[in-house]
Amino acid sequence: MKIIIASDHTGVDYKATLVKEMQEKGYTVSDLGTFDSNQPDDYPDYAEKVAKAILSKQGERGIIICGSGVGVSVAANKFKGIRAGVCHDTYSAHQCVEHDDANVLCIGQRIIGIELAREVVFTFLKAVFSNEERHVRRLKKIAIIEDSNMK
């Protein structure tokens, strides 16, 4: 599986650790930056990079890290076809894929420790959409909402 990852300056440390560990587990990882935790930048820029890479099929799943995970989630979800969830526990990490077909995981380096971040990331990556009728029906409704608000 190919993973697209990025962070703003507040997520650089976790991103570096997670990239290495994903590669060690056989994932192909494309790191879209940033690389300098001492140079303040803007999280929407990195959410946009990941969203566009996922939508253009450069990767199957995306991971974005900022201070809280919330800002990058808000920004990524502005892109039609992106379903980004903030997950700071393993239940949400697998459930967002199984029920909501989430394609982007957002986490906050200031919120959870690195051990839990590892568990959340690998739980998210191993999860599979259930394709149950009720979840498919709900995703169709979300698509209708997206389409009606794109005007």
Protein backbone atom coordinates (compact mmCIF):
# COMPACT_ATOMS: atom_id res chain seq x y z
CA MET A 1 0.00 0.00 0.00
CA LYS A 2 1.26 3.47 -0.87
CA ILE A 3 0.90 6.08 1.84
CA ILE A 4 1.01 9.84 1.40
CA ILE A 5 2.10 11.69 4.53
CA ALA A 6 2.71 15.30 5.47
CA SER A 7 2.80 17.53 8.51
CA ASP A 8 3.16 21.11 9.46
CA HIS A 9 6.07 22.15 11.69
CA THR A 10 4.34 20.79 14.82
CA GLY A 11 4.19 17.25 13.45
CA VAL A 12 7.66 16.80 12.01
CA ASP A 13 9.01 14.58 14.79
CA TYR A 14 6.15 12.08 14.70
CA LYS A 15 6.14 12.09 10.91
CA ALA A 16 9.82 11.16 10.73
CA THR A 17 9.33 8.28 13.18
CA LEU A 18 6.19 7.00 11.48
CA VAL A 19 7.67 7.19 7.96
CA LYS A 20 10.59 5.03 9.04
CA GLU A 21 8.36 2.49 10.77
CA MET A 22 5.90 2.28 7.88
CA GLN A 23 8.77 1.67 5.47
CA GLU A 24 10.17 -1.03 7.75
CA LYS A 25 6.76 -2.75 7.64
CA GLY A 26 6.74 -2.73 3.84
CA TYR A 27 4.62 0.32 3.07
CA THR A 28 5.67 2.65 0.28
CA VAL A 29 5.65 6.16 1.72
CA SER A 30 5.70 9.52 -0.02
CA ASP A 31 6.60 12.31 2.41
CA LEU A 32 5.33 15.69 1.20
CA GLY A 33 6.93 17.74 3.97
CA THR A 34 7.48 19.78 5.97
CA PHE A 35 10.91 18.81 7.24
CA ASP A 36 11.86 21.65 9.59
CA SER A 37 10.13 21.89 12.96
CA ASN A 38 11.83 25.23 13.62
CA GLN A 39 10.29 26.98 10.62
CA PRO A 40 6.63 27.87 11.31
CA ASP A 41 4.31 27.17 8.41
CA ASP A 42 0.60 26.72 7.72
CA TYR A 43 -1.18 23.39 8.11
CA PRO A 44 -3.70 23.94 5.26
CA ASP A 45 -0.81 23.79 2.78
CA TYR A 46 0.06 20.24 3.86
CA ALA A 47 -3.56 19.10 4.05
CA GLU A 48 -3.97 20.31 0.46
CA LYS A 49 -0.88 18.42 -0.70
CA VAL A 50 -2.08 15.15 0.80
CA ALA A 51 -5.66 15.59 -0.41
CA LYS A 52 -4.57 16.31 -3.98
CA ALA A 53 -2.15 13.36 -3.96
CA ILE A 54 -4.87 10.98 -2.77
CA LEU A 55 -7.41 12.31 -5.27
CA SER A 56 -4.90 11.92 -8.12
CA LYS A 57 -4.27 8.29 -7.04
CA GLN A 58 -0.64 8.83 -6.04
CA GLY A 59 -1.41 6.89 -2.88
CA GLU A 60 -4.17 4.82 -1.33
CA ARG A 61 -4.24 6.41 2.11
CA GLY A 62 -3.08 9.69 3.56
CA ILE A 63 -1.81 10.73 6.97
CA ILE A 64 -1.54 14.35 8.08
CA ILE A 65 -0.07 15.48 11.38
CA CYS A 66 -0.38 18.86 13.03
CA GLY A 67 -0.60 20.01 16.64
CA SER A 68 -4.15 18.80 17.30
CA GLY A 69 -5.14 16.98 14.11
CA VAL A 70 -8.23 19.17 13.87
CA GLY A 71 -6.94 21.88 11.54
CA VAL A 72 -5.63 19.47 8.93
CA SER A 73 -8.89 17.51 9.10
CA VAL A 74 -10.96 20.62 8.48
CA ALA A 75 -8.76 21.61 5.56
CA ALA A 76 -8.56 18.14 3.98
CA ASN A 77 -12.32 17.64 4.18
CA LYS A 78 -12.83 20.66 1.91
CA PHE A 79 -11.76 18.45 -1.01
CA LYS A 80 -14.53 16.47 -2.67
CA GLY A 81 -13.77 12.78 -2.23
CA ILE A 82 -11.59 13.16 0.83
CA ARG A 83 -12.89 11.63 4.02
CA ALA A 84 -10.45 12.68 6.73
CA GLY A 85 -10.90 11.69 10.35
CA VAL A 86 -9.17 12.87 13.49
CA CYS A 87 -8.31 9.73 15.42
CA HIS A 88 -6.56 9.57 18.74
CA ASP A 89 -7.65 6.04 19.65
CA THR A 90 -7.54 2.71 17.85
CA TYR A 91 -11.32 2.18 17.76
CA SER A 92 -11.85 5.39 15.76
CA ALA A 93 -8.88 4.53 13.56
CA HIS A 94 -10.38 1.29 12.30
CA GLN A 95 -14.03 2.34 12.50
CA CYS A 96 -13.51 5.42 10.30
CA VAL A 97 -12.29 3.13 7.52
CA GLU A 98 -14.70 0.23 8.11
CA HIS A 99 -17.82 2.42 8.30
CA ASP A 100 -16.91 5.73 6.64
CA ASP A 101 -14.34 4.61 4.07
CA ALA A 102 -11.96 7.27 5.39
CA ASN A 103 -8.92 7.76 3.20
CA VAL A 104 -7.01 10.25 5.35
CA LEU A 105 -5.98 9.96 9.00
CA CYS A 106 -5.32 13.13 10.98
CA ILE A 107 -3.47 13.07 14.28
CA GLY A 108 -2.13 15.65 16.68
CA GLN A 109 1.43 15.43 17.91
CA ARG A 110 0.50 17.60 20.90
CA ILE A 111 -2.41 15.32 21.82
CA ILE A 112 -1.16 11.74 21.94
CA GLY A 113 2.13 10.04 22.68
CA ILE A 114 4.18 8.39 19.97
CA GLU A 115 3.33 4.85 21.12
CA LEU A 116 -0.39 5.47 20.72
CA ALA A 117 0.23 7.33 17.46
CA ARG A 118 1.94 4.19 16.12
CA GLU A 119 -0.99 2.01 17.13
CA VAL A 120 -3.49 4.44 15.60
CA VAL A 121 -1.58 4.66 12.31
CA PHE A 122 -1.14 0.92 11.84
CA THR A 123 -4.74 0.22 12.89
CA PHE A 124 -5.91 2.74 10.27
CA LEU A 125 -3.69 1.24 7.57
CA LYS A 126 -4.87 -2.33 8.23
CA ALA A 127 -8.57 -1.47 8.28
CA VAL A 128 -10.82 -2.28 5.31
CA PHE A 129 -14.14 -0.71 4.32
CA SER A 130 -16.95 -3.11 5.22
CA ASN A 131 -19.03 -2.40 2.11
CA GLU A 132 -22.15 -3.04 4.18
CA GLU A 133 -25.30 -1.65 2.58
CA ARG A 134 -25.95 0.84 5.39
CA HIS A 135 -22.46 2.31 5.09
CA VAL A 136 -22.62 2.47 1.29
CA ARG A 137 -26.00 4.21 1.57
CA ARG A 138 -24.59 6.78 3.99
CA LEU A 139 -21.57 7.47 1.78
CA LYS A 140 -23.92 8.09 -1.15
CA LYS A 141 -25.74 10.66 0.98
CA ILE A 142 -22.43 12.34 1.79
CA ALA A 143 -21.64 12.46 -1.95
CA ILE A 144 -24.98 14.15 -2.59
CA ILE A 145 -24.22 16.73 0.09
CA GLU A 146 -20.79 17.35 -1.46
CA ASP A 147 -22.28 17.75 -4.92
CA SER A 148 -25.03 20.11 -3.77
CA ASN A 149 -22.56 22.36 -1.98
CA MET A 150 -19.98 22.62 -4.75
CA LYS A 151 -21.87 25.40 -6.52
